[in-house]
Protein backbone atom coordinates (compact mmCIF):
# COMPACT_ATOMS: atom_id res chain seq x y z
CA MET A 1 -12.95 -6.92 -118.34
CA PHE A 2 -13.29 -3.28 -119.33
CA ILE A 3 -10.19 -1.17 -119.67
CA ASN A 4 -10.33 2.95 -119.80
CA LEU A 5 -7.45 3.97 -121.97
CA ARG A 6 -8.38 7.25 -121.81
CA GLU A 7 -8.80 8.18 -118.14
CA ILE A 8 -11.68 10.53 -118.28
CA PRO A 9 -14.18 9.22 -116.11
CA VAL A 10 -17.10 6.92 -117.88
CA THR A 11 -20.69 8.45 -117.29
CA ASP A 12 -22.69 5.54 -118.50
CA PHE A 13 -21.24 2.29 -119.82
CA ALA A 14 -24.34 0.08 -121.32
CA TRP A 15 -24.05 -3.73 -123.33
CA SER A 16 -25.61 -4.03 -126.65
CA HIS A 17 -28.85 -6.23 -126.48
CA ASP A 18 -27.50 -9.26 -127.56
CA GLY A 19 -23.63 -8.73 -125.36
CA ARG A 20 -21.56 -8.13 -128.42
CA MET A 21 -21.19 -4.36 -128.30
CA ALA A 22 -20.34 -1.85 -125.68
CA LEU A 23 -21.51 2.23 -125.63
CA ILE A 24 -19.46 3.78 -123.30
CA CYS A 25 -19.54 7.48 -122.54
CA TYR A 26 -17.46 9.67 -120.99
CA ARG A 27 -17.50 12.86 -118.88
CA ASP A 28 -15.69 14.91 -121.41
CA GLY A 29 -18.40 14.26 -124.14
CA PHE A 30 -16.74 11.55 -126.41
CA ILE A 31 -18.58 8.21 -126.91
CA LEU A 32 -17.68 5.22 -128.64
CA VAL A 33 -19.30 1.63 -129.36
CA GLY A 34 -17.19 -1.39 -129.72
CA SER A 35 -16.82 -5.19 -129.47
CA VAL A 36 -16.52 -7.40 -126.66
CA ALA A 37 -13.13 -8.15 -128.95
CA GLY A 38 -11.82 -4.17 -128.71
CA GLN A 39 -12.95 -3.54 -132.34
CA ARG A 40 -14.78 0.38 -132.19
CA TYR A 41 -17.23 0.37 -134.49
CA TRP A 42 -17.86 4.31 -134.01
CA SER A 43 -17.07 7.04 -131.86
CA SER A 44 -17.68 10.78 -131.43
CA MET A 45 -16.73 13.51 -129.56
CA LEU A 46 -20.32 16.29 -128.82
CA ASN A 47 -19.40 19.34 -128.02
CA LEU A 48 -21.78 19.98 -124.76
CA ASP A 49 -21.21 23.17 -123.46
CA SER A 50 -20.33 22.76 -119.32
CA THR A 51 -22.86 19.66 -119.68
CA CYS A 52 -21.69 15.83 -119.45
CA ILE A 53 -23.68 13.16 -120.89
CA THR A 54 -25.29 11.02 -117.98
CA CYS A 55 -27.31 8.10 -120.13
CA GLY A 56 -27.22 6.06 -123.27
CA VAL A 57 -29.52 3.23 -124.92
CA TRP A 58 -29.83 0.94 -127.12
CA SER A 59 -32.48 1.04 -129.62
CA PRO A 60 -34.46 -2.64 -129.27
CA ASP A 61 -32.62 -3.97 -132.57
CA ASP A 62 -29.33 -2.94 -131.38
CA SER A 63 -29.14 -1.10 -134.63
CA GLN A 64 -28.52 2.32 -133.13
CA VAL A 65 -27.18 4.15 -129.71
CA LYS A 66 -29.16 7.22 -128.27
CA GLY A 67 -29.05 9.70 -125.83
CA ARG A 68 -30.52 13.08 -125.01
CA GLY A 69 -29.90 15.41 -128.31
CA TRP A 70 -27.84 12.54 -130.39
CA SER A 71 -28.82 9.51 -132.00
CA VAL A 72 -26.47 7.25 -134.58
CA ARG A 73 -27.59 4.52 -136.43
CA LEU A 74 -24.82 1.62 -136.41
CA GLU A 75 -24.40 -0.19 -139.74
């Protein structure tokens, strides 16, 4: 079950290929990578200048998440 505690609309949600992590993108530019157990692995607020994130993707080996204009390597 996904619970949105931020009360900001989610614009994209993607499971990692192994199903252990989720990438969640919010309309205000906040991006969150977390585990199925609720642990936050990484998060950031992007300055979007009146645009919003519409899509985020996982690399084939689940080591990175990417979107238009941003990319993060997960350790």
